[in-house]
Protein backbone atom coordinates (compact mmCIF):
# COMPACT_ATOMS: atom_id res chain seq x y z
CA MET A 1 70.86 75.90 79.54
CA SER A 2 70.45 76.44 75.80
CA ASP A 3 73.45 76.67 73.49
CA PRO A 4 73.52 80.15 71.84
CA ALA A 5 75.35 78.80 68.77
CA ALA A 6 72.76 76.05 68.32
CA SER A 7 69.97 78.59 68.71
CA ARG A 8 71.51 80.83 66.03
CA SER A 9 71.89 77.79 63.75
CA ARG A 10 68.22 76.84 64.19
CA SER A 11 67.11 80.41 63.59
CA SER A 12 69.17 80.68 60.41
CA ARG A 13 68.11 77.28 59.07
CA PHE A 14 64.41 77.87 59.51
CA GLY A 15 64.70 81.45 58.31
CA ALA A 16 65.47 79.99 54.89
CA LEU A 17 62.05 78.31 54.88
CA GLN A 18 60.14 81.57 55.23
CA GLU A 19 57.77 82.13 52.33
CA GLY A 20 56.04 85.41 51.83
CA GLY A 21 56.21 86.34 55.52
CA GLY A 22 57.78 89.26 57.33
CA LYS A 23 59.12 92.32 55.58
CA ALA A 24 60.62 92.77 52.18
CA GLY A 25 64.27 92.01 51.63
CA ALA A 26 66.43 89.38 53.28
CA ALA A 27 64.58 87.33 55.89
CA ALA A 28 65.58 88.25 59.44
CA PRO A 29 66.52 85.41 61.80
CA LEU A 30 63.56 84.09 63.76
CA PRO A 31 63.35 84.63 67.52
CA VAL A 32 65.00 81.76 69.39
CA GLU A 33 61.70 80.43 70.78
CA PHE A 34 60.19 80.36 67.28
CA ALA A 35 63.17 78.53 65.75
CA ALA A 36 63.23 75.94 68.53
CA ALA A 37 59.50 75.33 68.14
CA LEU A 38 59.87 74.87 64.38
CA GLU A 39 62.59 72.30 64.91
CA GLY A 40 60.42 70.39 67.38
CA PHE A 41 57.44 70.59 65.02
CA SER A 42 59.54 69.24 62.15
CA ARG A 43 60.70 66.28 64.26
CA HIS A 44 57.10 65.65 65.35
CA LEU A 45 55.91 65.46 61.73
CA GLU A 46 58.81 63.32 60.56
CA PHE A 47 59.21 60.83 63.39
CA GLU A 48 55.97 60.77 65.39
CA LYS A 49 53.49 61.30 62.54
CA ALA A 50 55.68 59.60 59.86
CA ARG A 51 54.82 62.25 57.27
CA SER A 52 56.56 62.26 53.91
CA ALA A 53 59.56 64.54 53.35
CA HIS A 54 57.40 66.66 51.02
CA THR A 55 54.71 67.13 53.70
CA VAL A 56 57.29 67.96 56.37
CA ARG A 57 58.85 70.63 54.11
CA ALA A 58 55.48 72.10 53.17
CA TYR A 59 54.04 72.29 56.70
CA THR A 60 57.29 73.46 58.28
CA GLY A 61 57.72 76.06 55.55
CA ASP A 62 54.19 77.36 56.10
CA ALA A 63 54.74 77.52 59.86
CA ALA A 64 58.02 79.38 59.28
CA SER A 65 56.18 81.86 57.06
CA LEU A 66 53.59 82.44 59.80
CA LEU A 67 56.23 82.92 62.49
CA ALA A 68 58.27 85.26 60.32
CA TYR A 69 55.16 87.37 59.74
CA CYS A 70 54.37 87.42 63.46
CA ALA A 71 57.98 88.32 64.31
CA GLY A 72 57.79 91.16 61.81
CA HIS A 73 54.74 92.46 63.65
CA GLY A 74 56.27 92.48 67.12
CA ALA A 75 55.72 88.93 68.36
CA THR A 76 58.71 87.36 70.10
CA ARG A 77 56.99 84.47 71.91
CA LEU A 78 54.54 81.84 70.71
CA ALA A 79 52.06 83.11 73.29
CA ASP A 80 52.00 86.45 71.41
CA ILE A 81 50.30 84.84 68.39
CA ASP A 82 46.57 85.52 68.39
CA LEU A 83 43.66 85.15 65.98
CA SER A 84 44.10 88.64 64.53
CA LEU A 85 47.72 87.91 63.58
CA LEU A 86 46.64 84.65 61.96
CA ARG A 87 43.97 86.43 59.92
CA LEU A 88 46.37 89.19 58.88
CA TRP A 89 48.94 86.60 57.79
CA LEU A 90 46.40 84.70 55.68
CA GLY A 91 45.09 87.97 54.26
CA GLY A 92 48.60 88.88 53.16
CA GLN A 93 48.95 85.52 51.43
CA GLN A 94 45.66 86.09 49.64
CA ALA A 95 46.71 89.60 48.59
CA ALA A 96 49.89 88.08 47.15
CA GLY A 97 47.73 86.10 44.73
CA LYS A 98 47.87 82.66 46.36
CA SER A 99 45.22 80.22 45.16
CA ARG A 100 42.41 79.01 47.40
CA SER A 101 43.96 75.56 47.63
CA THR A 102 47.30 77.07 48.72
CA LEU A 103 45.57 79.31 51.28
CA SER A 104 43.75 76.27 52.66
CA ARG A 105 47.05 74.45 53.03
CA HIS A 106 48.58 77.46 54.81
CA ALA A 107 45.65 77.49 57.24
CA ALA A 108 45.91 73.72 57.78
CA SER A 109 49.63 74.05 58.48
CA ALA A 110 49.00 76.83 61.01
CA ARG A 111 46.32 74.75 62.76
CA THR A 112 48.57 71.69 62.87
CA PHE A 113 51.50 73.70 64.22
CA LEU A 114 49.52 75.53 66.89
CA ALA A 115 47.63 72.40 67.97
CA TRP A 116 50.99 70.69 68.43
CA ALA A 117 52.32 73.71 70.36
CA LYS A 118 49.26 73.58 72.66
CA ARG A 119 49.77 69.85 73.34
CA GLU A 120 53.42 70.55 74.12
CA GLU A 121 52.29 73.36 76.47
CA LEU A 122 54.24 75.93 74.48
CA VAL A 123 51.15 78.16 74.23
CA PRO A 124 48.35 78.68 76.79
CA GLN A 125 45.64 78.36 74.14
CA ASP A 126 45.28 77.55 70.45
CA PRO A 127 44.19 80.69 68.55
CA SER A 128 43.70 78.74 65.30
CA LEU A 129 40.55 77.01 66.60
CA ARG A 130 38.49 79.95 65.32
CA LEU A 131 40.49 80.45 62.13
CA GLN A 132 38.46 80.10 58.94
CA SER A 133 39.99 79.46 55.55
CA PRO A 134 38.58 79.35 52.01
CA ARG A 135 37.41 75.98 50.78
CA PRO A 136 39.93 74.62 48.28
CA GLU A 137 38.99 74.41 44.64
CA LYS A 138 38.25 70.81 43.71
CA SER A 139 39.18 70.14 40.12
CA LEU A 140 38.10 66.82 38.69
CA PRO A 141 41.03 64.49 38.01
CA HIS A 142 41.78 63.53 34.42
CA VAL A 143 40.84 59.94 33.66
CA LEU A 144 41.81 57.77 30.70
CA GLN A 145 39.10 55.97 28.78
CA GLN A 146 39.25 52.18 28.92
CA GLY A 147 40.33 52.08 25.28
CA GLN A 148 43.19 54.50 26.00
CA MET A 149 44.31 52.41 28.95
CA GLN A 150 44.27 49.28 26.80
CA ARG A 151 46.39 51.02 24.15
CA LEU A 152 48.89 52.12 26.79
CA LEU A 153 49.31 48.58 28.12
CA ASP A 154 49.36 47.08 24.62
CA GLY A 155 52.16 49.50 23.70
CA ALA A 156 54.18 48.49 26.75
CA SER A 157 53.60 44.81 25.96
CA ALA A 158 54.72 45.32 22.36
CA GLY A 159 57.88 47.05 23.59
CA ARG A 160 58.61 44.07 25.82
CA ASP A 161 58.00 41.59 23.00
CA THR A 162 60.59 43.34 20.82
CA GLY A 163 63.01 42.93 23.70
CA ARG A 164 63.59 46.64 24.18
CA ALA A 165 62.45 49.46 26.45
CA THR A 166 62.09 52.32 24.01
CA GLY A 167 63.19 55.89 24.50
CA PRO A 168 66.23 57.54 26.07
CA ALA A 169 64.91 56.95 29.58
CA ALA A 170 65.97 53.32 29.34
CA SER A 171 69.60 54.32 29.83
CA ARG A 172 68.66 56.26 32.97
CA GLY A 173 66.59 53.53 34.57
CA GLY A 174 63.29 54.78 33.11
CA GLY A 175 62.00 53.63 29.74
CA THR A 176 58.37 52.78 29.14
CA GLY A 177 58.11 50.49 26.20
CA ALA A 178 54.90 52.44 25.47
CA ALA A 179 56.09 54.38 22.44
CA SER A 180 56.19 52.81 18.98
CA PRO A 181 58.10 49.52 19.25
CA VAL A 182 61.62 49.48 17.85
CA PRO A 183 61.69 46.97 14.94
CA GLU A 184 63.90 43.96 15.39
CA PRO A 185 67.06 43.92 13.24
CA THR A 186 67.03 41.64 10.22
CA GLY A 187 69.67 39.72 8.35
CA ALA A 188 72.94 39.18 10.19
CA SER A 189 71.85 41.30 13.13
CA ALA A 190 70.77 39.47 16.25
CA PRO A 191 67.30 40.02 17.78
CA ALA A 192 67.04 42.94 20.20
CA ARG A 193 66.60 40.67 23.24
CA GLU A 194 69.83 38.82 22.45
CA ALA A 195 71.68 42.01 21.53
CA ASP A 196 70.76 43.88 24.70
CA PRO A 197 69.15 41.73 27.40
CA ARG A 198 69.18 44.64 29.88
CA GLU A 199 66.91 46.60 27.54
CA ALA A 200 64.58 43.61 27.55
CA ALA A 201 64.73 43.53 31.35
CA LEU A 202 63.75 47.22 31.51
CA ALA A 203 60.84 46.55 29.17
CA ASP A 204 59.67 43.68 31.39
CA ARG A 205 59.91 45.97 34.42
CA ASP A 206 58.04 48.81 32.75
CA LEU A 207 55.13 46.61 31.72
CA ALA A 208 54.87 45.12 35.22
CA LEU A 209 55.00 48.61 36.75
CA LEU A 210 52.24 49.97 34.49
CA GLU A 211 50.03 46.91 34.91
CA LEU A 212 50.38 47.01 38.69
CA LEU A 213 49.70 50.75 39.02
CA TYR A 214 46.49 50.45 37.01
CA ALA A 215 45.39 47.15 38.58
CA SER A 216 45.88 48.29 42.18
CA GLY A 217 45.49 52.09 42.12
CA ILE A 218 48.39 52.47 44.57
CA ARG A 219 50.52 55.61 44.76
CA VAL A 220 53.89 55.66 43.00
CA GLY A 221 55.66 56.08 46.35
CA GLU A 222 53.90 52.97 47.62
CA LEU A 223 54.84 51.07 44.47
CA VAL A 224 58.58 51.76 44.61
CA ALA A 225 58.60 50.86 48.33
CA LEU A 226 57.29 47.34 47.63
CA ASP A 227 59.53 44.37 48.39
CA ILE A 228 59.31 40.99 46.70
CA ASP A 229 57.73 39.45 49.80
CA ASP A 230 54.96 42.07 49.74
CA VAL A 231 53.42 40.24 46.77
CA ASP A 232 51.12 37.29 47.54
CA HIS A 233 51.05 35.44 44.21
CA ASP A 234 48.42 32.91 45.30
CA ARG A 235 45.89 35.47 46.55
CA ARG A 236 46.97 38.15 44.04
CA THR A 237 47.33 40.81 46.74
CA LEU A 238 49.90 43.41 47.77
CA ARG A 239 50.92 44.41 51.28
CA VAL A 240 51.09 48.19 50.94
CA VAL A 241 52.38 50.67 53.52
CA GLY A 242 50.73 54.01 52.83
CA LYS A 243 50.63 57.47 54.37
CA GLY A 244 51.23 57.55 58.10
CA ASN A 245 52.75 54.05 57.91
CA LYS A 246 49.24 52.58 57.63
CA GLU A 247 49.27 49.09 56.17
CA ARG A 248 46.58 47.76 53.85
CA THR A 249 46.03 44.78 51.55
CA VAL A 250 45.35 45.61 47.91
CA PRO A 251 44.16 43.06 45.31
CA PHE A 252 45.27 43.00 41.68
CA GLY A 253 44.33 41.01 38.57
CA GLN A 254 45.77 38.19 36.52
CA PRO A 255 47.31 40.37 33.75
CA ALA A 256 49.33 42.25 36.37
CA LEU A 257 50.38 38.96 37.97
CA ASN A 258 51.53 37.62 34.58
CA ALA A 259 53.60 40.76 33.97
CA LEU A 260 55.06 40.59 37.50
CA ASN A 261 56.01 36.93 37.07
CA ASP A 262 57.78 37.70 33.77
CA TRP A 263 59.69 40.56 35.42
CA LEU A 264 60.71 38.47 38.42
CA ARG A 265 61.66 35.42 36.35
CA ARG A 266 63.60 36.93 33.48
CA GLY A 267 63.94 40.69 33.95
CA ARG A 268 64.89 41.38 37.54
CA PRO A 269 67.80 38.87 37.67
CA LEU A 270 69.49 40.75 34.81
CA LEU A 271 69.39 44.07 36.69
CA ALA A 272 70.00 42.76 40.21
CA ALA A 273 73.27 43.73 41.86
CA ARG A 274 74.96 42.98 45.18
CA GLY A 275 73.09 45.77 46.95
CA SER A 276 69.67 45.23 45.35
CA GLY A 277 68.16 43.77 48.50
CA PRO A 278 64.48 42.77 48.50
CA ALA A 279 63.19 45.64 46.31
CA LEU A 280 60.48 44.51 43.89
CA PHE A 281 61.36 47.07 41.21
CA LEU A 282 64.96 47.92 40.34
CA GLY A 283 66.64 50.74 38.46
CA VAL A 284 69.18 50.29 35.70
CA ARG A 285 72.08 50.16 38.21
CA GLY A 286 70.42 47.47 40.30
CA GLY A 287 69.24 49.60 43.22
CA ARG A 288 65.66 50.17 44.28
CA LEU A 289 63.74 52.08 41.62
CA GLY A 290 63.16 55.68 42.68
CA GLN A 291 59.97 57.70 42.37
CA ARG A 292 61.49 59.97 39.73
CA GLN A 293 62.40 57.04 37.47
CA ALA A 294 58.97 55.46 37.99
CA ARG A 295 57.33 58.75 37.02
CA GLU A 296 59.43 58.83 33.85
CA VAL A 297 58.18 55.38 32.92
CA VAL A 298 54.54 56.43 33.27
CA SER A 299 55.02 59.84 31.65
CA ARG A 300 56.60 58.32 28.55
CA ALA A 301 53.83 55.76 28.31
CA LEU A 302 51.24 58.55 28.48
CA GLU A 303 53.13 60.55 25.84
CA GLY A 304 52.67 57.59 23.53
CA LEU A 305 48.90 58.10 23.82
CA GLY A 306 49.10 61.75 22.79
CA ASP A 307 46.88 62.71 25.76
CA THR A 308 48.48 65.88 27.09
CA ALA A 309 45.97 66.20 29.96
CA ALA A 310 47.07 62.91 31.55
CA ARG A 311 50.36 63.36 33.39
CA GLY A 312 52.27 61.11 35.73
CA PRO A 313 51.42 58.05 37.83
CA HIS A 314 48.46 59.70 39.56
CA ALA A 315 46.61 59.60 36.23
CA LEU A 316 46.66 55.79 36.48
CA ARG A 317 45.46 55.96 40.10
CA HIS A 318 42.59 58.27 39.07
CA THR A 319 41.79 55.99 36.16
CA ALA A 320 41.77 52.81 38.25
CA ALA A 321 39.41 54.35 40.83
CA THR A 322 37.02 55.75 38.24
CA HIS A 323 36.88 52.53 36.21
CA LEU A 324 36.05 50.61 39.40
CA LEU A 325 33.19 52.97 40.25
CA ASP A 326 31.97 52.94 36.64
CA ALA A 327 31.69 49.15 36.94
CA GLY A 328 29.63 49.38 40.14
CA ALA A 329 32.29 48.98 42.85
CA ASP A 330 31.28 50.02 46.37
CA LEU A 331 32.56 53.46 47.35
CA ARG A 332 33.81 52.24 50.74
CA ALA A 333 35.71 49.40 49.10
CA VAL A 334 37.38 51.83 46.71
CA GLN A 335 38.26 54.09 49.67
CA GLU A 336 39.99 51.18 51.39
CA LEU A 337 41.72 50.13 48.17
CA LEU A 338 43.15 53.62 47.62
CA GLY A 339 44.11 54.12 51.27
CA HIS A 340 42.06 57.32 51.67
CA SER A 341 41.52 58.33 55.29
CA SER A 342 38.46 60.37 54.30
CA LEU A 343 35.53 59.14 52.22
CA ALA A 344 35.17 62.69 50.87
CA THR A 345 38.45 62.26 48.97
CA THR A 346 37.18 59.09 47.30
CA GLN A 347 33.83 60.73 46.51
CA LEU A 348 35.64 63.03 44.10
CA TYR A 349 35.79 60.07 41.72
CA THR A 350 32.02 59.66 41.84
CA HIS A 351 31.77 63.16 40.35
CA VAL A 352 34.08 62.04 37.54
CA SER A 353 31.82 59.05 36.87
CA VAL A 354 28.72 61.28 36.83
CA GLU A 355 30.43 63.68 34.41
CA ARG A 356 31.34 60.78 32.12
CA LEU A 357 27.75 59.49 32.30
CA ARG A 358 26.40 62.95 31.50
CA ALA A 359 28.74 63.29 28.51
CA SER A 360 27.66 59.89 27.18
CA TYR A 361 24.00 60.83 27.63
CA GLN A 362 24.44 64.13 25.79
CA GLN A 363 26.16 62.36 22.95
CA ALA A 364 23.81 59.40 22.61
CA HIS A 365 20.28 60.31 23.73
CA PRO A 366 18.02 61.67 20.95
CA ARG A 367 16.36 64.15 23.31
CA ALA A 368 19.42 65.13 25.33
């Protein structure tokens, strides 16, 4: 027998996730069956499918929006949801000005939720099988030129050589070393590395982080999850656990290995604390480096280039993939390197390479 208090709690908790569904004003509590299904769907995504917290929130929020809309139009059971309600819900999202990519995600969330409900025998049939959604807009990712990438890494290396991770992020566990190097004190002042060895440790870390992101093309979440034992120094490979807990082996080059060795030999011991554990990259307090701090490192390095279109760690992932394809790498090999489940996702980078080729042709060919 269900607990009424627990049912009310579920209904209230998932009511807060409703986005653009139902009627105007405060969101009404969801019917008990809807709230219970949402809770089961959330657990399924988190524990059985091992989705990220961001994906769980997005898909559960979309499903809550759908169920709130259906409840506002008389549905009280999952079996009441039909194709017409799904179409009306998506149409309302479109009328609210949602982009095609957002509408596509809403539709994908609805399909995932209802397919799960069908497998769990919560609905007699899956009405989303005939649901069509707009194709998402595919914008080409921004890619750094090879010269820009070299300047970024040179800037980080110069920051390390001065013994200092530049910028205010250093005190928060960020710091890139990619901005203009801080000059070493002269006269009676001691060199920066001697004056503040932890700043030098942060600079070592930042260079290793940037080199590894570009060399491997891994996601920032995959990078901060790396442990020391995930690095094979002899083979120059990483053991990476990606989306869906899928494991893959990713190679990297000698410059990244050199930077990693410097960080592990002289930088990491200065930041390590009792609770550091096996984490490869550490924050300023000695714990595992978080995604937010890693993003700060990359963002500050990119700011040093003055390229406002390139933002965050994914710019380095885009750049690594495109540079590989520019140099003739096999598309399937790049797909495996990046951990893409679909080749279509990797093929986006071939369009970037073609655009770069076309731009070079227009600039250089006398009869372009």
